[in-house]
């Protein structure tokens, strides 16, 4: 009984802590329709939904979660993968967020960018780096003059471009990032790009939060 209610308890504690600190609930979505109805079970009525809440700021389900919860099995597996990629990734946090944001850019997935720009900032990405991630044409990051990206972030962006737009990654591109990361980190790097190609294609095809036709924002401040 206690173990089954733990995710709900964690959500409540997170919400209470946020209120105690004077923080307003984080607004993550515009709550606009998707191509299928959202499913938002009440807290304590669906263990998969409660597990998703446990990973979300203030225990608030996203519109993405509402679509996933059309199928509890898919939502559960998705949450397990996301918890590793987002929360237990051996890749440095700024690089992880670059992988995610760049994949969103290349797939025209504004929803992904809107969810992760603030996370990228918190991870340490600067405004100049965010603009470079957003505006650099695919495959051209090595030719960017006066780049704001570190050599390892530039190598990470090129790997993302090849995985997303070409699928096949040339050995020099792989090796260019591998010199900064160990074998486990390389697997996590490829896993992150692969996962967010799934995420970005999923949210675009299902028009989550009505963002399919919204341009990916360009950071200005």
N, C-alpha and C. Protein backbone atom coordinates (compact mmCIF):
# COMPACT_ATOMS: atom_id res chain seq x y z
N UNK A 1 0.84 -1.20 0.00
CA UNK A 1 0.00 0.00 0.00
C UNK A 1 0.87 1.25 0.00
N UNK A 2 1.89 1.25 0.89
CA UNK A 2 2.77 2.42 0.97
C UNK A 2 3.53 2.66 -0.31
N UNK A 3 4.07 1.56 -0.92
CA UNK A 3 4.85 1.72 -2.14
C UNK A 3 4.00 2.21 -3.29
N UNK A 4 2.72 1.77 -3.36
CA UNK A 4 1.87 2.19 -4.46
C UNK A 4 1.47 3.65 -4.35
N UNK A 5 1.45 4.19 -3.12
CA UNK A 5 1.06 5.59 -2.94
C UNK A 5 2.26 6.53 -2.93
N UNK A 6 3.48 5.99 -3.00
CA UNK A 6 4.68 6.83 -2.90
C UNK A 6 4.75 7.90 -3.97
N UNK A 7 4.48 7.60 -5.27
CA UNK A 7 4.55 8.67 -6.28
C UNK A 7 3.61 9.82 -5.97
N UNK A 8 2.40 9.50 -5.47
CA UNK A 8 1.44 10.55 -5.14
C UNK A 8 1.94 11.38 -3.97
N UNK A 9 2.53 10.72 -2.97
CA UNK A 9 3.08 11.45 -1.82
C UNK A 9 4.19 12.39 -2.27
N UNK A 10 5.04 11.91 -3.16
CA UNK A 10 6.13 12.75 -3.66
C UNK A 10 5.59 13.97 -4.38
N UNK A 11 4.54 13.78 -5.17
CA UNK A 11 3.93 14.91 -5.90
C UNK A 11 3.39 15.95 -4.93
N UNK A 12 2.70 15.46 -3.87
CA UNK A 12 2.13 16.39 -2.89
C UNK A 12 3.23 17.14 -2.17
N UNK A 13 4.29 16.44 -1.76
CA UNK A 13 5.40 17.10 -1.07
C UNK A 13 6.07 18.14 -1.95
N UNK A 14 6.23 17.82 -3.26
CA UNK A 14 6.84 18.78 -4.17
C UNK A 14 5.99 20.03 -4.31
N UNK A 15 4.67 19.83 -4.38
CA UNK A 15 3.78 20.98 -4.50
C UNK A 15 3.80 21.83 -3.25
N UNK A 16 3.81 21.17 -2.08
CA UNK A 16 3.85 21.91 -0.82
C UNK A 16 5.15 22.68 -0.67
N UNK A 17 6.26 22.06 -1.09
CA UNK A 17 7.55 22.75 -1.02
C UNK A 17 7.57 23.96 -1.92
N UNK A 18 6.99 23.82 -3.10
CA UNK A 18 6.93 24.95 -4.02
C UNK A 18 6.14 26.10 -3.43
N UNK A 19 4.99 25.79 -2.78
CA UNK A 19 4.18 26.83 -2.18
C UNK A 19 4.90 27.49 -1.02
N UNK A 20 5.61 26.68 -0.24
CA UNK A 20 6.34 27.22 0.90
C UNK A 20 7.42 28.19 0.46
N UNK A 21 8.00 27.94 -0.70
CA UNK A 21 9.05 28.81 -1.22
C UNK A 21 8.49 29.99 -2.00
N UNK A 22 7.17 30.02 -2.14
CA UNK A 22 6.55 31.13 -2.85
C UNK A 22 6.63 31.02 -4.35
N UNK A 23 6.81 29.80 -4.88
CA UNK A 23 6.92 29.61 -6.32
C UNK A 23 5.55 29.31 -6.91
N UNK A 24 5.19 29.97 -7.98
CA UNK A 24 3.96 29.64 -8.69
C UNK A 24 4.18 28.36 -9.48
N UNK A 25 3.11 27.57 -9.72
CA UNK A 25 3.25 26.36 -10.53
C UNK A 25 3.85 26.67 -11.89
N UNK A 26 4.73 25.80 -12.35
CA UNK A 26 5.39 26.02 -13.62
C UNK A 26 4.41 25.78 -14.77
N UNK A 27 4.29 26.77 -15.66
CA UNK A 27 3.42 26.62 -16.82
C UNK A 27 4.24 26.03 -17.95
N UNK A 28 3.89 24.83 -18.35
CA UNK A 28 4.69 24.14 -19.36
C UNK A 28 3.97 24.05 -20.69
N UNK A 29 2.64 24.16 -20.71
CA UNK A 29 1.85 24.00 -21.93
C UNK A 29 0.85 25.13 -22.06
N UNK A 30 0.32 25.29 -23.28
CA UNK A 30 -0.78 26.24 -23.49
C UNK A 30 -2.14 25.56 -23.39
N UNK A 31 -2.12 24.23 -23.14
CA UNK A 31 -3.35 23.46 -22.98
C UNK A 31 -4.26 23.55 -24.20
N UNK A 32 -3.63 23.54 -25.37
CA UNK A 32 -4.37 23.52 -26.63
C UNK A 32 -4.56 22.07 -27.07
N UNK A 33 -5.50 21.80 -27.96
CA UNK A 33 -5.83 20.41 -28.32
C UNK A 33 -4.69 19.71 -29.07
N UNK A 34 -4.75 18.39 -29.04
CA UNK A 34 -3.94 17.52 -29.90
C UNK A 34 -4.88 16.80 -30.86
N UNK A 35 -4.31 15.90 -31.67
CA UNK A 35 -5.15 15.18 -32.63
C UNK A 35 -5.95 14.06 -31.98
N UNK A 36 -5.61 13.71 -30.76
CA UNK A 36 -6.41 12.77 -29.97
C UNK A 36 -6.69 13.44 -28.63
N UNK A 37 -7.74 13.04 -27.94
CA UNK A 37 -8.05 13.67 -26.64
C UNK A 37 -6.97 13.36 -25.60
N UNK A 38 -6.74 14.30 -24.73
CA UNK A 38 -5.84 14.07 -23.60
C UNK A 38 -6.54 13.22 -22.54
N UNK A 39 -5.75 12.41 -21.86
CA UNK A 39 -6.25 11.62 -20.73
C UNK A 39 -5.47 12.06 -19.50
N UNK A 40 -6.15 12.66 -18.54
CA UNK A 40 -5.52 13.15 -17.32
C UNK A 40 -6.23 12.53 -16.11
N UNK A 41 -5.85 11.32 -15.72
CA UNK A 41 -6.49 10.69 -14.56
C UNK A 41 -6.23 11.51 -13.29
N UNK A 42 -7.19 11.50 -12.40
CA UNK A 42 -7.02 12.20 -11.13
C UNK A 42 -5.89 11.55 -10.32
N UNK A 43 -5.17 12.32 -9.54
CA UNK A 43 -4.10 11.74 -8.71
C UNK A 43 -4.62 10.58 -7.86
N UNK A 44 -3.82 9.52 -7.83
CA UNK A 44 -4.18 8.36 -7.03
C UNK A 44 -5.08 7.36 -7.71
N UNK A 45 -5.50 7.65 -8.96
CA UNK A 45 -6.42 6.74 -9.65
C UNK A 45 -5.73 5.92 -10.74
N UNK A 46 -4.51 6.27 -11.09
CA UNK A 46 -3.80 5.58 -12.17
C UNK A 46 -2.30 5.59 -11.84
N UNK A 47 -1.71 4.42 -11.53
CA UNK A 47 -0.30 4.40 -11.11
C UNK A 47 0.66 4.88 -12.19
N UNK A 48 0.32 4.69 -13.47
CA UNK A 48 1.20 5.16 -14.54
C UNK A 48 1.19 6.69 -14.57
N UNK A 49 0.00 7.28 -14.48
CA UNK A 49 -0.09 8.73 -14.44
C UNK A 49 0.63 9.30 -13.22
N UNK A 50 0.52 8.62 -12.08
CA UNK A 50 1.20 9.09 -10.87
C UNK A 50 2.72 9.00 -11.02
N UNK A 51 3.21 7.96 -11.72
CA UNK A 51 4.66 7.86 -11.97
C UNK A 51 5.13 8.99 -12.87
N UNK A 52 4.31 9.36 -13.87
CA UNK A 52 4.64 10.51 -14.70
C UNK A 52 4.66 11.79 -13.89
N UNK A 53 3.66 11.97 -13.02
CA UNK A 53 3.61 13.17 -12.17
C UNK A 53 4.86 13.30 -11.30
N UNK A 54 5.36 12.16 -10.84
CA UNK A 54 6.51 12.19 -9.94
C UNK A 54 7.75 12.77 -10.60
N UNK A 55 7.80 12.74 -11.94
CA UNK A 55 8.94 13.28 -12.66
C UNK A 55 8.72 14.72 -13.11
N UNK A 56 7.53 15.24 -12.97
CA UNK A 56 7.20 16.56 -13.51
C UNK A 56 7.27 17.64 -12.44
N UNK A 57 7.68 18.86 -12.81
CA UNK A 57 7.69 19.96 -11.84
C UNK A 57 6.30 20.17 -11.25
N UNK A 58 6.25 20.25 -9.93
CA UNK A 58 4.99 20.45 -9.20
C UNK A 58 3.99 19.33 -9.42
N UNK A 59 4.45 18.19 -9.94
CA UNK A 59 3.55 17.07 -10.14
C UNK A 59 2.47 17.31 -11.16
N UNK A 60 2.75 18.20 -12.12
CA UNK A 60 1.76 18.57 -13.13
C UNK A 60 2.00 17.80 -14.43
N UNK A 61 1.00 17.06 -14.89
CA UNK A 61 1.12 16.33 -16.14
C UNK A 61 1.20 17.31 -17.32
N UNK A 62 2.04 16.97 -18.30
CA UNK A 62 2.13 17.75 -19.53
C UNK A 62 1.08 17.27 -20.53
N UNK A 63 0.86 18.09 -21.56
CA UNK A 63 -0.01 17.64 -22.65
C UNK A 63 0.57 16.39 -23.31
N UNK A 64 1.88 16.31 -23.40
CA UNK A 64 2.51 15.08 -23.92
C UNK A 64 2.07 13.87 -23.10
N UNK A 65 2.06 14.01 -21.78
CA UNK A 65 1.63 12.91 -20.92
C UNK A 65 0.17 12.54 -21.20
N UNK A 66 -0.65 13.57 -21.42
CA UNK A 66 -2.06 13.32 -21.67
C UNK A 66 -2.30 12.51 -22.92
N UNK A 67 -1.46 12.70 -23.94
CA UNK A 67 -1.55 11.87 -25.15
C UNK A 67 -1.03 10.46 -24.87
N UNK A 68 0.11 10.37 -24.20
CA UNK A 68 0.68 9.05 -23.90
C UNK A 68 -0.27 8.20 -23.08
N UNK A 69 -1.03 8.82 -22.20
CA UNK A 69 -1.91 8.07 -21.30
C UNK A 69 -3.15 7.51 -22.00
N UNK A 70 -3.27 7.73 -23.31
CA UNK A 70 -4.22 6.95 -24.09
C UNK A 70 -3.85 5.46 -24.06
N UNK A 71 -2.56 5.18 -23.81
CA UNK A 71 -2.07 3.80 -23.77
C UNK A 71 -1.14 3.67 -22.57
N UNK A 72 -1.62 3.10 -21.49
CA UNK A 72 -0.82 3.02 -20.26
C UNK A 72 0.49 2.28 -20.47
N UNK A 73 0.48 1.24 -21.30
CA UNK A 73 1.71 0.47 -21.52
C UNK A 73 2.77 1.32 -22.21
N UNK A 74 2.36 2.06 -23.22
CA UNK A 74 3.29 2.95 -23.90
C UNK A 74 3.78 4.04 -22.96
N UNK A 75 2.87 4.63 -22.19
CA UNK A 75 3.24 5.69 -21.27
C UNK A 75 4.24 5.20 -20.23
N UNK A 76 4.04 3.99 -19.74
CA UNK A 76 4.93 3.44 -18.73
C UNK A 76 6.33 3.20 -19.29
N UNK A 77 6.41 2.60 -20.48
CA UNK A 77 7.71 2.37 -21.10
C UNK A 77 8.40 3.66 -21.46
N UNK A 78 7.64 4.61 -21.97
CA UNK A 78 8.17 5.93 -22.32
C UNK A 78 8.76 6.60 -21.08
N UNK A 79 8.04 6.55 -19.97
CA UNK A 79 8.49 7.18 -18.74
C UNK A 79 9.78 6.54 -18.23
N UNK A 80 9.88 5.22 -18.37
CA UNK A 80 11.10 4.53 -17.93
C UNK A 80 12.30 4.98 -18.75
N UNK A 81 12.12 5.08 -20.08
CA UNK A 81 13.21 5.54 -20.94
C UNK A 81 13.56 6.99 -20.64
N UNK A 82 12.54 7.83 -20.51
CA UNK A 82 12.79 9.25 -20.27
C UNK A 82 13.50 9.49 -18.95
N UNK A 83 13.18 8.68 -17.93
CA UNK A 83 13.82 8.87 -16.63
C UNK A 83 15.31 8.59 -16.70
N UNK A 84 15.73 7.69 -17.59
CA UNK A 84 17.15 7.43 -17.77
C UNK A 84 17.80 8.54 -18.59
N UNK A 85 17.18 8.88 -19.71
CA UNK A 85 17.77 9.88 -20.61
C UNK A 85 17.84 11.25 -19.95
N UNK A 86 16.79 11.63 -19.25
CA UNK A 86 16.73 12.96 -18.64
C UNK A 86 17.41 13.03 -17.28
N UNK A 87 17.22 12.00 -16.46
CA UNK A 87 17.59 12.11 -15.05
C UNK A 87 18.80 11.27 -14.65
N UNK A 88 19.21 10.34 -15.48
CA UNK A 88 20.34 9.46 -15.11
C UNK A 88 21.30 9.32 -16.28
N UNK A 89 21.56 10.43 -16.96
CA UNK A 89 22.38 10.43 -18.16
C UNK A 89 23.82 10.73 -17.80
N UNK A 90 24.76 9.97 -18.34
CA UNK A 90 26.17 10.21 -18.02
C UNK A 90 26.77 11.35 -18.83
N UNK A 91 26.05 11.84 -19.83
CA UNK A 91 26.51 12.98 -20.64
C UNK A 91 26.34 14.26 -19.83
N UNK A 92 27.29 15.21 -19.92
CA UNK A 92 27.13 16.47 -19.19
C UNK A 92 25.82 17.16 -19.55
N UNK A 93 25.20 17.80 -18.57
CA UNK A 93 23.86 18.38 -18.75
C UNK A 93 23.78 19.38 -19.91
N UNK A 94 24.75 20.27 -20.10
CA UNK A 94 24.63 21.19 -21.25
C UNK A 94 24.62 20.45 -22.58
N UNK A 95 25.41 19.38 -22.70
CA UNK A 95 25.42 18.61 -23.93
C UNK A 95 24.12 17.85 -24.11
N UNK A 96 23.60 17.29 -23.04
CA UNK A 96 22.31 16.59 -23.11
C UNK A 96 21.23 17.53 -23.65
N UNK A 97 21.18 18.74 -23.12
CA UNK A 97 20.16 19.67 -23.57
C UNK A 97 20.41 20.16 -24.99
N UNK A 98 21.66 20.28 -25.39
CA UNK A 98 21.96 20.59 -26.80
C UNK A 98 21.40 19.50 -27.71
N UNK A 99 21.64 18.23 -27.36
CA UNK A 99 21.10 17.13 -28.16
C UNK A 99 19.59 17.28 -28.31
N UNK A 100 18.91 17.56 -27.20
CA UNK A 100 17.45 17.63 -27.20
C UNK A 100 16.95 18.82 -28.02
N UNK A 101 17.53 19.99 -27.76
CA UNK A 101 17.09 21.20 -28.45
C UNK A 101 17.40 21.13 -29.95
N UNK A 102 18.57 20.66 -30.29
CA UNK A 102 18.94 20.60 -31.70
C UNK A 102 18.06 19.62 -32.46
N UNK A 103 17.73 18.51 -31.84
CA UNK A 103 16.82 17.56 -32.48
C UNK A 103 15.46 18.21 -32.71
N UNK A 104 15.00 18.98 -31.74
CA UNK A 104 13.74 19.70 -31.91
C UNK A 104 13.80 20.69 -33.07
N UNK A 105 14.93 21.38 -33.21
CA UNK A 105 15.11 22.33 -34.31
C UNK A 105 15.04 21.61 -35.65
N UNK A 106 15.81 20.55 -35.79
CA UNK A 106 15.91 19.87 -37.08
C UNK A 106 14.58 19.22 -37.49
N UNK A 107 13.78 18.84 -36.51
CA UNK A 107 12.49 18.21 -36.81
C UNK A 107 11.33 19.20 -36.74
N UNK A 108 11.66 20.49 -36.64
CA UNK A 108 10.61 21.52 -36.57
C UNK A 108 9.59 21.23 -35.47
N UNK A 109 10.10 20.82 -34.33
CA UNK A 109 9.26 20.47 -33.19
C UNK A 109 9.33 21.60 -32.16
N UNK A 110 8.48 22.60 -32.36
CA UNK A 110 8.46 23.73 -31.43
C UNK A 110 8.15 23.27 -30.01
N UNK A 111 7.31 22.25 -29.87
CA UNK A 111 6.93 21.78 -28.54
C UNK A 111 8.17 21.36 -27.75
N UNK A 112 9.08 20.65 -28.40
CA UNK A 112 10.29 20.21 -27.71
C UNK A 112 11.12 21.41 -27.28
N UNK A 113 11.29 22.38 -28.19
CA UNK A 113 12.08 23.56 -27.84
C UNK A 113 11.44 24.31 -26.67
N UNK A 114 10.15 24.51 -26.73
CA UNK A 114 9.47 25.26 -25.68
C UNK A 114 9.57 24.57 -24.32
N UNK A 115 9.60 23.25 -24.32
CA UNK A 115 9.75 22.51 -23.07
C UNK A 115 11.18 22.58 -22.54
N UNK A 116 12.16 22.70 -23.43
CA UNK A 116 13.55 22.50 -23.01
C UNK A 116 14.43 23.73 -23.05
N UNK A 117 13.99 24.84 -23.62
CA UNK A 117 14.87 26.01 -23.63
C UNK A 117 15.23 26.42 -22.20
N UNK A 118 14.25 26.48 -21.32
CA UNK A 118 14.53 26.88 -19.94
C UNK A 118 15.41 25.85 -19.24
N UNK A 119 15.23 24.57 -19.57
CA UNK A 119 16.07 23.53 -18.98
C UNK A 119 17.51 23.69 -19.47
N UNK A 120 17.66 24.02 -20.76
CA UNK A 120 18.99 24.25 -21.30
C UNK A 120 19.68 25.42 -20.61
N UNK A 121 18.94 26.48 -20.36
CA UNK A 121 19.52 27.62 -19.64
C UNK A 121 19.97 27.22 -18.25
N UNK A 122 19.11 26.47 -17.56
CA UNK A 122 19.45 26.01 -16.21
C UNK A 122 20.68 25.10 -16.23
N UNK A 123 20.85 24.37 -17.32
CA UNK A 123 22.00 23.47 -17.44
C UNK A 123 23.29 24.22 -17.77
N UNK A 124 23.17 25.50 -18.16
CA UNK A 124 24.36 26.30 -18.41
C UNK A 124 24.53 26.80 -19.82
N UNK A 125 23.60 26.49 -20.73
CA UNK A 125 23.70 27.01 -22.09
C UNK A 125 23.40 28.51 -22.09
N UNK A 126 24.25 29.28 -22.76
CA UNK A 126 24.09 30.72 -22.81
C UNK A 126 23.13 31.12 -23.92
N UNK A 127 22.72 32.38 -23.91
CA UNK A 127 21.85 32.88 -24.98
C UNK A 127 22.53 32.72 -26.33
N UNK A 128 23.80 33.05 -26.41
CA UNK A 128 24.53 32.93 -27.68
C UNK A 128 24.57 31.47 -28.14
N UNK A 129 24.78 30.56 -27.23
CA UNK A 129 24.79 29.14 -27.60
C UNK A 129 23.41 28.67 -28.03
N UNK A 130 22.38 29.10 -27.33
CA UNK A 130 21.01 28.72 -27.72
C UNK A 130 20.68 29.24 -29.11
N UNK A 131 21.08 30.46 -29.42
CA UNK A 131 20.82 31.02 -30.74
C UNK A 131 21.60 30.25 -31.82
N UNK A 132 22.79 29.83 -31.49
CA UNK A 132 23.57 29.06 -32.46
C UNK A 132 22.95 27.68 -32.69
N UNK A 133 22.48 27.05 -31.61
CA UNK A 133 21.78 25.77 -31.74
C UNK A 133 20.55 25.92 -32.62
N UNK A 134 19.84 27.02 -32.44
CA UNK A 134 18.60 27.25 -33.17
C UNK A 134 18.83 27.65 -34.62
N UNK A 135 19.84 28.44 -34.91
CA UNK A 135 19.95 29.09 -36.22
C UNK A 135 20.97 28.48 -37.18
N UNK A 136 21.90 27.68 -36.69
CA UNK A 136 22.92 27.13 -37.57
C UNK A 136 22.32 26.08 -38.51
N UNK A 137 22.49 26.22 -39.83
CA UNK A 137 21.99 25.20 -40.75
C UNK A 137 22.61 23.84 -40.47
N UNK A 138 21.89 22.78 -40.79
CA UNK A 138 22.37 21.43 -40.55
C UNK A 138 23.73 21.20 -41.21
N UNK A 139 24.60 20.54 -40.49
CA UNK A 139 25.93 20.10 -40.92
C UNK A 139 26.97 21.24 -40.99
N UNK A 140 26.58 22.46 -40.70
CA UNK A 140 27.50 23.59 -40.89
C UNK A 140 28.14 24.09 -39.61
N UNK A 141 27.90 23.43 -38.49
CA UNK A 141 28.48 23.92 -37.24
C UNK A 141 30.00 24.02 -37.26
N UNK A 142 30.74 23.11 -37.96
CA UNK A 142 32.19 23.28 -37.97
C UNK A 142 32.66 24.54 -38.72
N UNK A 143 31.78 25.12 -39.54
CA UNK A 143 32.16 26.28 -40.35
C UNK A 143 31.69 27.60 -39.73
N UNK A 144 31.09 27.53 -38.55
CA UNK A 144 30.58 28.74 -37.92
C UNK A 144 31.74 29.60 -37.41
N UNK A 145 31.88 30.84 -37.92
CA UNK A 145 32.97 31.69 -37.44
C UNK A 145 32.66 32.23 -36.04
N UNK A 146 33.68 32.31 -35.22
CA UNK A 146 33.53 32.87 -33.87
C UNK A 146 32.41 32.17 -33.10
N UNK A 147 32.42 30.85 -33.16
CA UNK A 147 31.37 30.07 -32.51
C UNK A 147 31.35 30.29 -31.01
N UNK A 148 30.16 30.25 -30.45
CA UNK A 148 30.02 30.34 -28.99
C UNK A 148 30.07 28.96 -28.34
N UNK A 149 30.02 27.92 -29.17
CA UNK A 149 30.03 26.56 -28.64
C UNK A 149 31.45 26.11 -28.32
N UNK A 150 31.59 25.36 -27.25
CA UNK A 150 32.87 24.74 -26.95
C UNK A 150 33.14 23.65 -28.00
N UNK A 151 34.38 23.21 -28.13
CA UNK A 151 34.66 22.14 -29.11
C UNK A 151 33.81 20.89 -28.89
N UNK A 152 33.56 20.53 -27.64
CA UNK A 152 32.76 19.33 -27.40
C UNK A 152 31.29 19.54 -27.75
N UNK A 153 30.78 20.73 -27.50
CA UNK A 153 29.39 21.00 -27.88
C UNK A 153 29.23 21.10 -29.39
N UNK A 154 30.23 21.65 -30.06
CA UNK A 154 30.19 21.70 -31.52
C UNK A 154 30.20 20.30 -32.12
N UNK A 155 31.04 19.43 -31.55
CA UNK A 155 31.08 18.03 -32.01
C UNK A 155 29.75 17.33 -31.74
N UNK A 156 29.13 17.65 -30.60
CA UNK A 156 27.84 17.06 -30.26
C UNK A 156 26.76 17.50 -31.24
N UNK A 157 26.80 18.77 -31.64
CA UNK A 157 25.79 19.27 -32.57
C UNK A 157 25.94 18.61 -33.94
N UNK A 158 27.18 18.40 -34.37
CA UNK A 158 27.38 17.76 -35.67
C UNK A 158 26.88 16.32 -35.64
N UNK A 159 27.13 15.59 -34.55
CA UNK A 159 26.61 14.23 -34.43
C UNK A 159 25.09 14.24 -34.50
N UNK A 160 24.46 15.20 -33.82
CA UNK A 160 23.00 15.30 -33.84
C UNK A 160 22.49 15.53 -35.25
N UNK A 161 23.17 16.40 -36.00
CA UNK A 161 22.75 16.70 -37.37
C UNK A 161 22.79 15.45 -38.24
N UNK A 162 23.87 14.68 -38.13
CA UNK A 162 23.98 13.49 -38.96
C UNK A 162 22.98 12.42 -38.53
N UNK A 163 22.83 12.20 -37.23
CA UNK A 163 21.87 11.19 -36.78
C UNK A 163 20.45 11.54 -37.21
N UNK A 164 20.10 12.82 -37.17
CA UNK A 164 18.73 13.24 -37.43
C UNK A 164 18.43 13.39 -38.91
N UNK A 165 19.34 14.00 -39.66
CA UNK A 165 19.06 14.31 -41.07
C UNK A 165 19.65 13.32 -42.06
N UNK A 166 20.69 12.59 -41.64
CA UNK A 166 21.32 11.64 -42.57
C UNK A 166 21.21 10.20 -42.08
N UNK A 167 20.94 10.01 -40.81
CA UNK A 167 20.86 8.72 -40.13
C UNK A 167 22.26 8.11 -39.95
N UNK A 168 22.98 7.90 -41.06
CA UNK A 168 24.33 7.35 -40.96
C UNK A 168 25.30 8.42 -40.48
N UNK A 169 26.10 8.05 -39.49
CA UNK A 169 27.08 8.98 -38.92
C UNK A 169 28.47 8.59 -39.42
N UNK A 170 29.14 9.46 -40.17
CA UNK A 170 30.50 9.14 -40.64
C UNK A 170 31.45 8.92 -39.46
N UNK A 171 32.42 8.04 -39.66
CA UNK A 171 33.36 7.73 -38.58
C UNK A 171 34.06 8.97 -38.02
N UNK A 172 34.51 9.92 -38.87
CA UNK A 172 35.17 11.11 -38.31
C UNK A 172 34.24 11.94 -37.42
N UNK A 173 32.95 11.95 -37.75
CA UNK A 173 31.99 12.70 -36.92
C UNK A 173 31.83 11.99 -35.57
N UNK A 174 31.70 10.67 -35.60
CA UNK A 174 31.60 9.90 -34.36
C UNK A 174 32.86 10.08 -33.52
N UNK A 175 34.02 9.94 -34.16
CA UNK A 175 35.28 10.07 -33.44
C UNK A 175 35.49 11.49 -32.90
N UNK A 176 34.94 12.48 -33.61
CA UNK A 176 35.10 13.86 -33.18
C UNK A 176 34.45 14.11 -31.83
N UNK A 177 33.36 13.40 -31.53
CA UNK A 177 32.75 13.52 -30.21
C UNK A 177 33.34 12.52 -29.23
N UNK A 178 33.73 11.35 -29.74
CA UNK A 178 34.24 10.30 -28.86
C UNK A 178 35.51 10.74 -28.13
N UNK A 179 36.25 11.66 -28.69
CA UNK A 179 37.48 12.10 -28.03
C UNK A 179 37.18 12.90 -26.77
N UNK A 180 35.93 13.35 -26.63
CA UNK A 180 35.54 14.07 -25.42
C UNK A 180 34.75 13.20 -24.45
N UNK A 181 34.25 12.05 -24.92
CA UNK A 181 33.38 11.20 -24.11
C UNK A 181 33.90 9.78 -24.07
N UNK A 182 33.65 9.09 -22.96
CA UNK A 182 34.01 7.68 -22.89
C UNK A 182 32.95 6.83 -23.59
N UNK A 183 33.16 5.52 -23.60
CA UNK A 183 32.25 4.64 -24.35
C UNK A 183 30.82 4.71 -23.81
N UNK A 184 30.66 4.67 -22.49
CA UNK A 184 29.31 4.75 -21.91
C UNK A 184 28.64 6.06 -22.29
N UNK A 185 29.39 7.14 -22.22
CA UNK A 185 28.82 8.44 -22.57
C UNK A 185 28.44 8.52 -24.04
N UNK A 186 29.20 7.87 -24.91
CA UNK A 186 28.84 7.85 -26.32
C UNK A 186 27.53 7.12 -26.55
N UNK A 187 27.34 6.01 -25.83
CA UNK A 187 26.07 5.29 -25.94
C UNK A 187 24.93 6.17 -25.44
N UNK A 188 25.15 6.87 -24.33
CA UNK A 188 24.12 7.77 -23.82
C UNK A 188 23.87 8.93 -24.76
N UNK A 189 24.93 9.43 -25.41
CA UNK A 189 24.76 10.52 -26.37
C UNK A 189 23.88 10.08 -27.54
N UNK A 190 24.21 8.94 -28.12
CA UNK A 190 23.42 8.43 -29.24
C UNK A 190 21.99 8.10 -28.77
N UNK A 191 21.87 7.55 -27.56
CA UNK A 191 20.56 7.25 -27.02
C UNK A 191 19.71 8.49 -26.82
N UNK A 192 20.35 9.59 -26.43
CA UNK A 192 19.61 10.83 -26.22
C UNK A 192 19.09 11.39 -27.54
N UNK A 193 19.96 11.43 -28.54
CA UNK A 193 19.52 11.93 -29.85
C UNK A 193 18.43 11.03 -30.42
N UNK A 194 18.62 9.72 -30.32
CA UNK A 194 17.60 8.80 -30.82
C UNK A 194 16.28 8.96 -30.10
N UNK A 195 16.33 9.10 -28.78
CA UNK A 195 15.11 9.25 -28.00
C UNK A 195 14.36 10.51 -28.39
N UNK A 196 15.08 11.61 -28.57
CA UNK A 196 14.39 12.86 -28.87
C UNK A 196 14.03 13.01 -30.35
N UNK A 197 14.57 12.17 -31.20
CA UNK A 197 13.99 12.05 -32.53
C UNK A 197 12.62 11.37 -32.42
N UNK A 198 12.52 10.38 -31.55
CA UNK A 198 11.21 9.77 -31.27
C UNK A 198 10.25 10.81 -30.69
N UNK A 199 10.69 11.53 -29.66
CA UNK A 199 9.82 12.50 -28.99
C UNK A 199 9.34 13.56 -29.98
N UNK A 200 10.27 14.13 -30.74
CA UNK A 200 9.91 15.24 -31.62
C UNK A 200 8.97 14.79 -32.72
N UNK A 201 9.20 13.62 -33.28
CA UNK A 201 8.30 13.12 -34.32
C UNK A 201 6.93 12.78 -33.75
N UNK A 202 6.91 12.27 -32.53
CA UNK A 202 5.66 11.92 -31.86
C UNK A 202 4.80 13.16 -31.62
N UNK A 203 5.41 14.20 -31.05
CA UNK A 203 4.61 15.39 -30.71
C UNK A 203 4.18 16.14 -31.96
N UNK A 204 4.98 16.09 -33.03
CA UNK A 204 4.58 16.76 -34.27
C UNK A 204 3.45 15.99 -34.94
N UNK A 205 3.58 14.68 -35.06
CA UNK A 205 2.55 13.89 -35.76
C UNK A 205 1.20 13.95 -35.04
N UNK A 206 1.22 14.03 -33.70
CA UNK A 206 -0.02 14.09 -32.94
C UNK A 206 -0.42 15.53 -32.60
N UNK A 207 0.36 16.49 -33.10
CA UNK A 207 0.06 17.92 -32.91
C UNK A 207 -0.20 18.24 -31.44
N UNK A 208 0.68 17.76 -30.58
CA UNK A 208 0.52 17.97 -29.14
C UNK A 208 0.54 19.47 -28.83
N UNK A 209 -0.43 19.91 -28.05
CA UNK A 209 -0.57 21.32 -27.66
C UNK A 209 -0.70 22.24 -28.88
N UNK A 210 -1.17 21.69 -29.98
CA UNK A 210 -1.38 22.44 -31.24
C UNK A 210 -0.12 23.19 -31.67
N UNK A 211 1.02 22.51 -31.56
CA UNK A 211 2.30 23.17 -31.89
C UNK A 211 2.90 22.68 -33.21
N UNK A 212 2.18 21.83 -33.95
CA UNK A 212 2.75 21.27 -35.18
C UNK A 212 3.17 22.34 -36.16
N UNK A 213 2.38 23.40 -36.30
CA UNK A 213 2.66 24.44 -37.29
C UNK A 213 3.28 25.69 -36.69
N UNK A 214 3.67 25.61 -35.44
CA UNK A 214 4.31 26.76 -34.77
C UNK A 214 5.81 26.72 -35.04
N UNK A 215 6.41 27.82 -35.53
CA UNK A 215 7.86 27.82 -35.76
C UNK A 215 8.62 27.65 -34.45
N UNK A 216 9.76 26.97 -34.54
CA UNK A 216 10.62 26.85 -33.37
C UNK A 216 11.09 28.26 -32.98
N UNK A 217 10.89 28.66 -31.73
CA UNK A 217 11.26 30.02 -31.34
C UNK A 217 12.76 30.30 -31.47
N UNK A 218 13.06 31.57 -31.70
CA UNK A 218 14.46 32.04 -31.70
C UNK A 218 14.69 32.79 -30.41
N UNK A 219 15.60 32.35 -29.57
CA UNK A 219 15.84 33.03 -28.28
C UNK A 219 16.34 34.46 -28.53
N UNK A 220 15.81 35.39 -27.74
CA UNK A 220 16.19 36.79 -27.88
C UNK A 220 16.76 37.40 -26.62
N UNK A 221 16.55 36.75 -25.49
CA UNK A 221 17.09 37.31 -24.24
C UNK A 221 17.30 36.22 -23.19
